[in-house]
Amino acid sequence: EIFFSYSAELKCKMKFGIYLPPKAETKKCPVLYWLSGLTCTEQNFITKAGFQQAAAEHGLIVVAPDTSPRFCNIEGEDESWDFGTGAGFYVDATEDPWKTNYRMYSYIKDELPKLINANFPTDPERMSIFGHSMGGHGALILALKNPGKYKSVSAFAPICNPIQCQWGKKALGGYLGSDASKWEAYDATQLVKSYPDSNLDILIDQGKDDQFLSAGQLLPDNFIAACTERKIPVVFRLQQASCFCHPLGYDHSYFFIATFINDHIKHHAKYLNA
């Protein structure tokens, strides 16, 4: 189902999609939050990922919020596909004119879970997070900045080291200002270096033929190296197509996500249903 609610953090109406498994009719269920990527809305995951059967099987509520505030009448908000509308980057902006509305980090961390827990049959103590691309970045930073809040985290083709890639430099520079040291607070590769313990099991799937991997936008190797150094468990799977249905290999699309979504739901269910 799709719901509209006014967000105090974002000062605008926001949509989110929520899936309730059959189990939710009789008992409280854990919640898995999905964060989508650049240009996406709450619809992309709901209509393209094919997660519902696995979520039903494991008794998980799945919540898919939008990726940014919308219709805020900010000059330039609709000018580019990788900044502004559809590109909130899951940060709390500090720069004008973005700082009033672009507070996706606080919205996802605090406001949305409060809303979900108040209105649906959730177990507030059991929540996990995952996402794709910009949303994979969002999932990783939310888990790493809030130890113990999420039972597990996973990502498809996440932007792992935004301070080093063009997407990240544009978004973080625009939302947080020109002082690059402030960007590190929203960079998974930087955050993992100071993560307090190793009680976080990370799963990442990456398509081998992802055009943004080869363009240097995702930089998973930097993140893996940082995790290895800190002994943080991370399973990184570089997925190569081996069947006729993917002659061009796995790219950055929802076909890739749909292929491996069940593995991710299972990964989270292991911790959420423990």
C-alpha atoms as a PDB file:
ATOM      1  CA  GLU A   1       0.000   0.000   0.000  1.00  0.00           C
ATOM      2  CA  ILE A   2       1.072   3.592  -0.625  1.00  0.00           C
ATOM      3  CA  PHE A   3       0.609   6.271   2.040  1.00  0.00           C
ATOM      4  CA  PHE A   4       1.005  10.065   2.110  1.00  0.00           C
ATOM      5  CA  SER A   5       2.136  11.774   5.292  1.00  0.00           C
ATOM      6  CA  TYR A   6       3.390  15.242   6.150  1.00  0.00           C
ATOM      7  CA  SER A   7       7.024  15.183   7.249  1.00  0.00           C
ATOM      8  CA  ALA A   8       8.108  17.668   9.908  1.00  0.00           C
ATOM      9  CA  GLU A   9      11.770  17.003   9.023  1.00  0.00           C
ATOM     10  CA  LEU A  10      11.325  17.610   5.305  1.00  0.00           C
ATOM     11  CA  LYS A  11       8.555  20.236   5.541  1.00  0.00           C
ATOM     12  CA  CYS A  12       6.566  18.582   2.771  1.00  0.00           C
ATOM     13  CA  LYS A  13       4.256  15.660   2.089  1.00  0.00           C
ATOM     14  CA  MET A  14       6.076  12.378   1.563  1.00  0.00           C
ATOM     15  CA  LYS A  15       4.943   9.079   0.086  1.00  0.00           C
ATOM     16  CA  PHE A  16       6.048   5.689   1.304  1.00  0.00           C
ATOM     17  CA  GLY A  17       5.105   2.181   0.317  1.00  0.00           C
ATOM     18  CA  ILE A  18       4.579  -0.555   2.902  1.00  0.00           C
ATOM     19  CA  TYR A  19       4.143  -4.296   2.522  1.00  0.00           C
ATOM     20  CA  LEU A  20       2.508  -6.247   5.356  1.00  0.00           C
ATOM     21  CA  PRO A  21       3.046 -10.031   5.347  1.00  0.00           C
ATOM     22  CA  PRO A  22       0.146 -12.374   6.257  1.00  0.00           C
ATOM     23  CA  LYS A  23       1.802 -12.901   9.651  1.00  0.00           C
ATOM     24  CA  ALA A  24       1.130  -9.219  10.510  1.00  0.00           C
ATOM     25  CA  GLU A  25      -2.598  -9.991  10.818  1.00  0.00           C
ATOM     26  CA  THR A  26      -1.973 -11.826  14.075  1.00  0.00           C
ATOM     27  CA  LYS A  27       1.348 -10.650  15.489  1.00  0.00           C
ATOM     28  CA  LYS A  28       3.928  -7.889  15.455  1.00  0.00           C
ATOM     29  CA  CYS A  29       6.580  -8.268  12.771  1.00  0.00           C
ATOM     30  CA  PRO A  30      10.096  -6.941  12.206  1.00  0.00           C
ATOM     31  CA  VAL A  31      10.602  -4.137   9.663  1.00  0.00           C
ATOM     32  CA  LEU A  32      13.005  -4.012   6.747  1.00  0.00           C
ATOM     33  CA  TYR A  33      13.606  -0.547   5.262  1.00  0.00           C
ATOM     34  CA  TRP A  34      14.546  -0.232   1.582  1.00  0.00           C
ATOM     35  CA  LEU A  35      16.279   2.891   0.238  1.00  0.00           C
ATOM     36  CA  SER A  36      16.150   3.493  -3.510  1.00  0.00           C
ATOM     37  CA  GLY A  37      18.663   5.146  -5.813  1.00  0.00           C
ATOM     38  CA  LEU A  38      18.976   8.297  -7.895  1.00  0.00           C
ATOM     39  CA  THR A  39      15.842   9.357  -9.834  1.00  0.00           C
ATOM     40  CA  CYS A  40      13.712   6.724  -8.073  1.00  0.00           C
ATOM     41  CA  THR A  41      10.479   7.163  -6.119  1.00  0.00           C
ATOM     42  CA  GLU A  42       8.856   4.776  -3.632  1.00  0.00           C
ATOM     43  CA  GLN A  43       7.431   2.919  -6.649  1.00  0.00           C
ATOM     44  CA  ASN A  44      10.550   1.414  -8.226  1.00  0.00           C
ATOM     45  CA  PHE A  45      11.232  -1.216  -5.598  1.00  0.00           C
ATOM     46  CA  ILE A  46       7.558  -2.070  -5.086  1.00  0.00           C
ATOM     47  CA  THR A  47       6.877  -2.728  -8.762  1.00  0.00           C
ATOM     48  CA  LYS A  48      10.210  -4.118  -9.993  1.00  0.00           C
ATOM     49  CA  ALA A  49      12.058  -6.007  -7.254  1.00  0.00           C
ATOM     50  CA  GLY A  50       9.753  -8.984  -6.701  1.00  0.00           C
ATOM     51  CA  PHE A  51      10.435  -9.115  -2.960  1.00  0.00           C
ATOM     52  CA  GLN A  52       6.880  -9.859  -1.773  1.00  0.00           C
ATOM     53  CA  GLN A  53       6.969 -13.654  -1.756  1.00  0.00           C
ATOM     54  CA  ALA A  54      10.182 -13.846   0.270  1.00  0.00           C
ATOM     55  CA  ALA A  55       8.963 -11.143   2.674  1.00  0.00           C
ATOM     56  CA  ALA A  56       5.710 -13.093   3.189  1.00  0.00           C
ATOM     57  CA  GLU A  57       7.612 -16.312   3.778  1.00  0.00           C
ATOM     58  CA  HIS A  58       9.868 -14.757   6.434  1.00  0.00           C
ATOM     59  CA  GLY A  59       7.166 -12.573   8.008  1.00  0.00           C
ATOM     60  CA  LEU A  60       8.837  -9.222   7.319  1.00  0.00           C
ATOM     61  CA  ILE A  61       7.170  -5.827   6.933  1.00  0.00           C
ATOM     62  CA  VAL A  62       8.953  -3.932   4.147  1.00  0.00           C
ATOM     63  CA  VAL A  63       8.921  -0.122   3.934  1.00  0.00           C
ATOM     64  CA  ALA A  64      10.031   1.785   0.830  1.00  0.00           C
ATOM     65  CA  PRO A  65      10.175   5.596   1.232  1.00  0.00           C
ATOM     66  CA  ASP A  66      10.716   8.160  -1.506  1.00  0.00           C
ATOM     67  CA  THR A  67      14.282   9.328  -2.225  1.00  0.00           C
ATOM     68  CA  SER A  68      13.959  13.058  -1.553  1.00  0.00           C
ATOM     69  CA  PRO A  69      11.580  15.865  -0.670  1.00  0.00           C
ATOM     70  CA  ARG A  70       9.473  17.006  -3.633  1.00  0.00           C
ATOM     71  CA  PHE A  71       7.775  20.208  -4.823  1.00  0.00           C
ATOM     72  CA  CYS A  72       9.599  22.410  -2.295  1.00  0.00           C
ATOM     73  CA  ASN A  73       9.887  25.364  -4.698  1.00  0.00           C
ATOM     74  CA  ILE A  74      13.656  25.497  -4.285  1.00  0.00           C
ATOM     75  CA  GLU A  75      15.405  27.142  -7.210  1.00  0.00           C
ATOM     76  CA  GLY A  76      17.281  24.467  -9.162  1.00  0.00           C
ATOM     77  CA  GLU A  77      15.696  21.456  -7.436  1.00  0.00           C
ATOM     78  CA  ASP A  78      14.644  19.924 -10.766  1.00  0.00           C
ATOM     79  CA  GLU A  79      17.638  20.946 -12.855  1.00  0.00           C
ATOM     80  CA  SER A  80      19.703  17.750 -12.696  1.00  0.00           C
ATOM     81  CA  TRP A  81      18.961  14.067 -12.249  1.00  0.00           C
ATOM     82  CA  ASP A  82      21.753  13.508  -9.711  1.00  0.00           C
ATOM     83  CA  PHE A  83      21.060  16.441  -7.373  1.00  0.00           C
ATOM     84  CA  GLY A  84      17.874  17.862  -5.853  1.00  0.00           C
ATOM     85  CA  THR A  85      14.575  16.096  -6.562  1.00  0.00           C
ATOM     86  CA  GLY A  86      15.018  12.313  -6.526  1.00  0.00           C
ATOM     87  CA  ALA A  87      18.553  12.672  -5.194  1.00  0.00           C
ATOM     88  CA  GLY A  88      18.368  13.405  -1.464  1.00  0.00           C
ATOM     89  CA  PHE A  89      21.498  11.288  -0.847  1.00  0.00           C
ATOM     90  CA  TYR A  90      20.279  10.436   2.682  1.00  0.00           C
ATOM     91  CA  VAL A  91      22.103  13.368   4.292  1.00  0.00           C
ATOM     92  CA  ASP A  92      20.964  16.298   6.439  1.00  0.00           C
ATOM     93  CA  ALA A  93      21.844  19.339   4.331  1.00  0.00           C
ATOM     94  CA  THR A  94      23.566  22.268   6.033  1.00  0.00           C
ATOM     95  CA  GLU A  95      23.701  24.663   3.064  1.00  0.00           C
ATOM     96  CA  ASP A  96      21.115  27.129   1.773  1.00  0.00           C
ATOM     97  CA  PRO A  97      18.703  26.667   0.094  1.00  0.00           C
ATOM     98  CA  TRP A  98      18.637  22.916   0.837  1.00  0.00           C
ATOM     99  CA  LYS A  99      18.961  22.763   4.626  1.00  0.00           C
ATOM    100  CA  THR A 100      15.281  23.428   5.402  1.00  0.00           C
ATOM    101  CA  ASN A 101      13.902  20.482   3.412  1.00  0.00           C
ATOM    102  CA  TYR A 102      16.730  18.137   2.522  1.00  0.00           C
ATOM    103  CA  ARG A 103      17.007  16.175   5.770  1.00  0.00           C
ATOM    104  CA  MET A 104      16.596  12.638   4.485  1.00  0.00           C
ATOM    105  CA  TYR A 105      19.048  11.189   7.011  1.00  0.00           C
ATOM    106  CA  SER A 106      16.967  12.278  10.022  1.00  0.00           C
ATOM    107  CA  TYR A 107      13.740  11.402   8.214  1.00  0.00           C
ATOM    108  CA  ILE A 108      14.853   7.801   7.618  1.00  0.00           C
ATOM    109  CA  LYS A 109      16.585   7.401  10.981  1.00  0.00           C
ATOM    110  CA  ASP A 110      13.937   8.841  13.305  1.00  0.00           C
ATOM    111  CA  GLU A 111      10.759  10.252  11.826  1.00  0.00           C
ATOM    112  CA  LEU A 112       9.749   7.464   9.448  1.00  0.00           C
ATOM    113  CA  PRO A 113      10.279   4.590  11.945  1.00  0.00           C
ATOM    114  CA  LYS A 114       8.229   6.489  14.560  1.00  0.00           C
ATOM    115  CA  LEU A 115       5.417   6.892  12.035  1.00  0.00           C
ATOM    116  CA  ILE A 116       5.572   3.231  10.970  1.00  0.00           C
ATOM    117  CA  ASN A 117       5.730   1.918  14.550  1.00  0.00           C
ATOM    118  CA  ALA A 118       2.780   4.086  15.612  1.00  0.00           C
ATOM    119  CA  ASN A 119       0.495   2.947  12.784  1.00  0.00           C
ATOM    120  CA  PHE A 120       1.410  -0.624  11.865  1.00  0.00           C
ATOM    121  CA  PRO A 121       1.907  -3.940  13.740  1.00  0.00           C
ATOM    122  CA  THR A 122       5.691  -3.673  14.056  1.00  0.00           C
ATOM    123  CA  ASP A 123       8.194  -4.880  16.594  1.00  0.00           C
ATOM    124  CA  PRO A 124      10.170  -1.619  17.084  1.00  0.00           C
ATOM    125  CA  GLU A 125      13.158  -3.519  18.492  1.00  0.00           C
ATOM    126  CA  ARG A 126      13.698  -5.461  15.275  1.00  0.00           C
ATOM    127  CA  MET A 127      14.578  -3.468  12.170  1.00  0.00           C
ATOM    128  CA  SER A 128      17.089  -3.765   9.341  1.00  0.00           C
ATOM    129  CA  ILE A 129      17.970  -1.708   6.286  1.00  0.00           C
ATOM    130  CA  PHE A 130      19.050  -2.233   2.681  1.00  0.00           C
ATOM    131  CA  GLY A 131      19.123  -0.320  -0.587  1.00  0.00           C
ATOM    132  CA  HIS A 132      20.443   0.194  -4.096  1.00  0.00           C
ATOM    133  CA  SER A 133      23.085   2.593  -5.457  1.00  0.00           C
ATOM    134  CA  MET A 134      22.488   5.945  -3.683  1.00  0.00           C
ATOM    135  CA  GLY A 135      20.164   3.957  -1.412  1.00  0.00           C
ATOM    136  CA  GLY A 136      22.871   1.355  -0.798  1.00  0.00           C
ATOM    137  CA  HIS A 137      25.042   4.258   0.344  1.00  0.00           C
ATOM    138  CA  GLY A 138      22.160   5.390   2.566  1.00  0.00           C
ATOM    139  CA  ALA A 139      21.708   1.938   4.100  1.00  0.00           C
ATOM    140  CA  LEU A 140      25.415   1.550   4.833  1.00  0.00           C
ATOM    141  CA  ILE A 141      25.843   4.972   6.443  1.00  0.00           C
ATOM    142  CA  LEU A 142      22.683   4.613   8.558  1.00  0.00           C
ATOM    143  CA  ALA A 143      23.874   1.256   9.897  1.00  0.00           C
ATOM    144  CA  LEU A 144      27.441   2.452  10.472  1.00  0.00           C
ATOM    145  CA  LYS A 145      26.449   5.748  12.128  1.00  0.00           C
ATOM    146  CA  ASN A 146      23.977   4.048  14.500  1.00  0.00           C
ATOM    147  CA  PRO A 147      25.562   0.904  15.952  1.00  0.00           C
ATOM    148  CA  GLY A 148      22.934  -1.514  17.274  1.00  0.00           C
ATOM    149  CA  LYS A 149      19.965   0.283  15.696  1.00  0.00           C
ATOM    150  CA  TYR A 150      19.708  -2.100  12.741  1.00  0.00           C
ATOM    151  CA  LYS A 151      20.029  -5.880  13.100  1.00  0.00           C
ATOM    152  CA  SER A 152      21.594  -6.220   9.641  1.00  0.00           C
ATOM    153  CA  VAL A 153      22.436  -4.266   6.496  1.00  0.00           C
ATOM    154  CA  SER A 154      22.822  -5.102   2.828  1.00  0.00           C
ATOM    155  CA  ALA A 155      23.164  -3.273  -0.464  1.00  0.00           C
ATOM    156  CA  PHE A 156      23.015  -3.671  -4.213  1.00  0.00           C
ATOM    157  CA  ALA A 157      25.716  -1.747  -6.089  1.00  0.00           C
ATOM    158  CA  PRO A 158      26.113   0.884  -3.349  1.00  0.00           C
ATOM    159  CA  ILE A 159      27.993   4.164  -3.716  1.00  0.00           C
ATOM    160  CA  CYS A 160      30.650   3.076  -1.222  1.00  0.00           C
ATOM    161  CA  ASN A 161      33.041   6.013  -1.136  1.00  0.00           C
ATOM    162  CA  PRO A 162      31.136   9.158  -2.192  1.00  0.00           C
ATOM    163  CA  ILE A 163      33.891  11.596  -1.209  1.00  0.00           C
ATOM    164  CA  GLN A 164      35.956  10.052  -4.034  1.00  0.00           C
ATOM    165  CA  CYS A 165      33.383   9.899  -6.864  1.00  0.00           C
ATOM    166  CA  GLN A 166      31.647  12.478  -9.046  1.00  0.00           C
ATOM    167  CA  TRP A 167      28.106  11.742  -7.833  1.00  0.00           C
ATOM    168  CA  GLY A 168      29.237  12.093  -4.238  1.00  0.00           C
ATOM    169  CA  LYS A 169      31.307  15.222  -4.749  1.00  0.00           C
ATOM    170  CA  LYS A 170      28.394  16.958  -6.475  1.00  0.00           C
ATOM    171  CA  ALA A 171      25.779  15.937  -3.909  1.00  0.00           C
ATOM    172  CA  LEU A 172      27.856  16.304  -0.745  1.00  0.00           C
ATOM    173  CA  GLY A 173      29.357  19.586  -1.959  1.00  0.00           C
ATOM    174  CA  GLY A 174      25.919  20.972  -2.749  1.00  0.00           C
ATOM    175  CA  TYR A 175      24.197  19.831   0.438  1.00  0.00           C
ATOM    176  CA  LEU A 176      27.068  20.143   2.944  1.00  0.00           C
ATOM    177  CA  GLY A 177      29.280  22.884   1.508  1.00  0.00           C
ATOM    178  CA  SER A 178      32.823  23.029   0.172  1.00  0.00           C
ATOM    179  CA  ASP A 179      34.606  21.771   3.321  1.00  0.00           C
ATOM    180  CA  ALA A 180      35.281  18.172   2.234  1.00  0.00           C
ATOM    181  CA  SER A 181      36.096  17.076   5.794  1.00  0.00           C
ATOM    182  CA  LYS A 182      32.375  17.405   6.599  1.00  0.00           C
ATOM    183  CA  TRP A 183      31.513  14.945   3.839  1.00  0.00           C
ATOM    184  CA  GLU A 184      33.261  12.097   5.666  1.00  0.00           C
ATOM    185  CA  ALA A 185      30.348  11.826   8.116  1.00  0.00           C
ATOM    186  CA  TYR A 186      28.275  10.418   5.225  1.00  0.00           C
ATOM    187  CA  ASP A 187      30.875   8.169   3.599  1.00  0.00           C
ATOM    188  CA  ALA A 188      30.660   4.435   4.376  1.00  0.00           C
ATOM    189  CA  THR A 189      34.359   3.840   3.666  1.00  0.00           C
ATOM    190  CA  GLN A 190      35.312   6.553   6.171  1.00  0.00           C
ATOM    191  CA  LEU A 191      32.690   5.553   8.754  1.00  0.00           C
ATOM    192  CA  VAL A 192      33.701   1.903   8.868  1.00  0.00           C
ATOM    193  CA  LYS A 193      37.179   2.954   9.996  1.00  0.00           C
ATOM    194  CA  SER A 194      35.755   4.112  13.328  1.00  0.00           C
ATOM    195  CA  TYR A 195      32.909   1.601  13.713  1.00  0.00           C
ATOM    196  CA  PRO A 196      33.094   0.480  17.357  1.00  0.00           C
ATOM    197  CA  ASP A 197      32.795  -3.307  17.004  1.00  0.00           C
ATOM    198  CA  SER A 198      32.384  -6.086  14.470  1.00  0.00           C
ATOM    199  CA  ASN A 199      28.758  -6.973  15.257  1.00  0.00           C
ATOM    200  CA  LEU A 200      27.455  -5.978  11.852  1.00  0.00           C
ATOM    201  CA  ASP A 201      27.087  -8.518   9.081  1.00  0.00           C
ATOM    202  CA  ILE A 202      27.186  -6.727   5.723  1.00  0.00           C
ATOM    203  CA  LEU A 203      26.079  -8.268   2.411  1.00  0.00           C
ATOM    204  CA  ILE A 204      26.830  -6.486  -0.877  1.00  0.00           C
ATOM    205  CA  ASP A 205      25.935  -7.655  -4.378  1.00  0.00           C
ATOM    206  CA  GLN A 206      27.547  -5.899  -7.317  1.00  0.00           C
ATOM    207  CA  GLY A 207      26.957  -6.584 -11.010  1.00  0.00           C
ATOM    208  CA  LYS A 208      30.206  -7.176 -12.868  1.00  0.00           C
ATOM    209  CA  ASP A 209      28.954  -5.340 -15.959  1.00  0.00           C
ATOM    210  CA  ASP A 210      27.571  -2.338 -14.089  1.00  0.00           C
ATOM    211  CA  GLN A 211      28.404   0.764 -16.120  1.00  0.00           C
ATOM    212  CA  PHE A 212      28.738   2.856 -12.963  1.00  0.00           C
ATOM    213  CA  LEU A 213      31.230   0.414 -11.462  1.00  0.00           C
ATOM    214  CA  SER A 214      33.523   0.813 -14.455  1.00  0.00           C
ATOM    215  CA  ALA A 215      32.968   4.597 -14.392  1.00  0.00           C
ATOM    216  CA  GLY A 216      34.374   4.777 -10.842  1.00  0.00           C
ATOM    217  CA  GLN A 217      31.155   5.936  -9.172  1.00  0.00           C
ATOM    218  CA  LEU A 218      30.709   2.990  -6.767  1.00  0.00           C
ATOM    219  CA  LEU A 219      34.257   2.128  -5.548  1.00  0.00           C
ATOM    220  CA  PRO A 220      33.432  -1.038  -3.564  1.00  0.00           C
ATOM    221  CA  ASP A 221      37.101  -2.045  -3.345  1.00  0.00           C
ATOM    222  CA  ASN A 222      37.822   0.941  -1.091  1.00  0.00           C
ATOM    223  CA  PHE A 223      35.028  -0.095   1.265  1.00  0.00           C
ATOM    224  CA  ILE A 224      36.077  -3.760   1.325  1.00  0.00           C
ATOM    225  CA  ALA A 225      39.654  -2.742   2.157  1.00  0.00           C
ATOM    226  CA  ALA A 226      38.443  -0.564   5.052  1.00  0.00           C
ATOM    227  CA  CYS A 227      36.219  -3.385   6.385  1.00  0.00           C
ATOM    228  CA  THR A 228      39.060  -5.905   6.147  1.00  0.00           C
ATOM    229  CA  GLU A 229      41.361  -3.589   8.071  1.00  0.00           C
ATOM    230  CA  ARG A 230      38.795  -3.200  10.856  1.00  0.00           C
ATOM    231  CA  LYS A 231      37.783  -6.895  10.775  1.00  0.00           C
ATOM    232  CA  ILE A 232      34.154  -5.972  10.002  1.00  0.00           C
ATOM    233  CA  PRO A 233      32.464  -8.987   8.371  1.00  0.00           C
ATOM    234  CA  VAL A 234      31.406  -8.211   4.821  1.00  0.00           C
ATOM    235  CA  VAL A 235      30.285 -10.619   2.114  1.00  0.00           C
ATOM    236  CA  PHE A 236      30.945  -9.010  -1.265  1.00  0.00           C
ATOM    237  CA  ARG A 237      29.646 -10.863  -4.311  1.00  0.00           C
ATOM    238  CA  LEU A 238      30.674  -9.682  -7.768  1.00  0.00           C
ATOM    239  CA  GLN A 239      27.911 -11.226  -9.832  1.00  0.00           C
ATOM    240  CA  GLN A 240      28.704 -12.420 -13.317  1.00  0.00           C
ATOM    241  CA  ALA A 241      25.912 -13.678 -15.560  1.00  0.00           C
ATOM    242  CA  SER A 242      26.235 -17.282 -16.612  1.00  0.00           C
ATOM    243  CA  CYS A 243      22.999 -17.890 -18.476  1.00  0.00           C
ATOM    244  CA  PHE A 244      21.436 -16.935 -21.803  1.00  0.00           C
ATOM    245  CA  CYS A 245      18.877 -14.616 -20.145  1.00  0.00           C
ATOM    246  CA  HIS A 246      21.659 -12.190 -19.177  1.00  0.00           C
ATOM    247  CA  PRO A 247      23.951 -12.217 -22.233  1.00  0.00           C
ATOM    248  CA  LEU A 248      25.248  -8.762 -21.341  1.00  0.00           C
ATOM    249  CA  GLY A 249      25.853  -9.575 -17.676  1.00  0.00           C
ATOM    250  CA  TYR A 250      24.457  -7.974 -14.542  1.00  0.00           C
ATOM    251  CA  ASP A 251      24.262  -4.211 -14.701  1.00  0.00           C
ATOM    252  CA  HIS A 252      22.850  -1.478 -12.422  1.00  0.00           C
ATOM    253  CA  SER A 253      19.201  -2.313 -13.139  1.00  0.00           C
ATOM    254  CA  TYR A 254      16.286  -3.832 -11.242  1.00  0.00           C
ATOM    255  CA  PHE A 255      16.725  -7.044 -13.279  1.00  0.00           C
ATOM    256  CA  PHE A 256      19.918  -7.486 -11.266  1.00  0.00           C
ATOM    257  CA  ILE A 257      18.143  -6.646  -8.005  1.00  0.00           C
ATOM    258  CA  ALA A 258      15.227  -8.998  -8.728  1.00  0.00           C
ATOM    259  CA  THR A 259      17.662 -11.856  -9.408  1.00  0.00           C
ATOM    260  CA  PHE A 260      19.229 -11.702  -5.945  1.00  0.00           C
ATOM    261  CA  ILE A 261      16.529 -10.085  -3.791  1.00  0.00           C
ATOM    262  CA  ASN A 262      15.600 -13.379  -2.108  1.00  0.00           C
ATOM    263  CA  ASP A 263      19.177 -13.781  -0.847  1.00  0.00           C
ATOM    264  CA  HIS A 264      18.980 -10.335   0.744  1.00  0.00           C
ATOM    265  CA  ILE A 265      15.593 -10.950   2.376  1.00  0.00           C
ATOM    266  CA  LYS A 266      16.992 -14.226   3.752  1.00  0.00           C
ATOM    267  CA  HIS A 267      20.107 -12.422   5.028  1.00  0.00           C
ATOM    268  CA  HIS A 268      17.957  -9.972   6.990  1.00  0.00           C
ATOM    269  CA  ALA A 269      15.469 -12.611   8.183  1.00  0.00           C
ATOM    270  CA  LYS A 270      18.334 -14.536   9.799  1.00  0.00           C
ATOM    271  CA  TYR A 271      18.886 -11.600  12.165  1.00  0.00           C
ATOM    272  CA  LEU A 272      15.374 -10.154  12.388  1.00  0.00           C
ATOM    273  CA  ASN A 273      13.835 -13.522  13.295  1.00  0.00           C
ATOM    274  CA  ALA A 274      16.685 -14.706  15.540  1.00  0.00           C
END
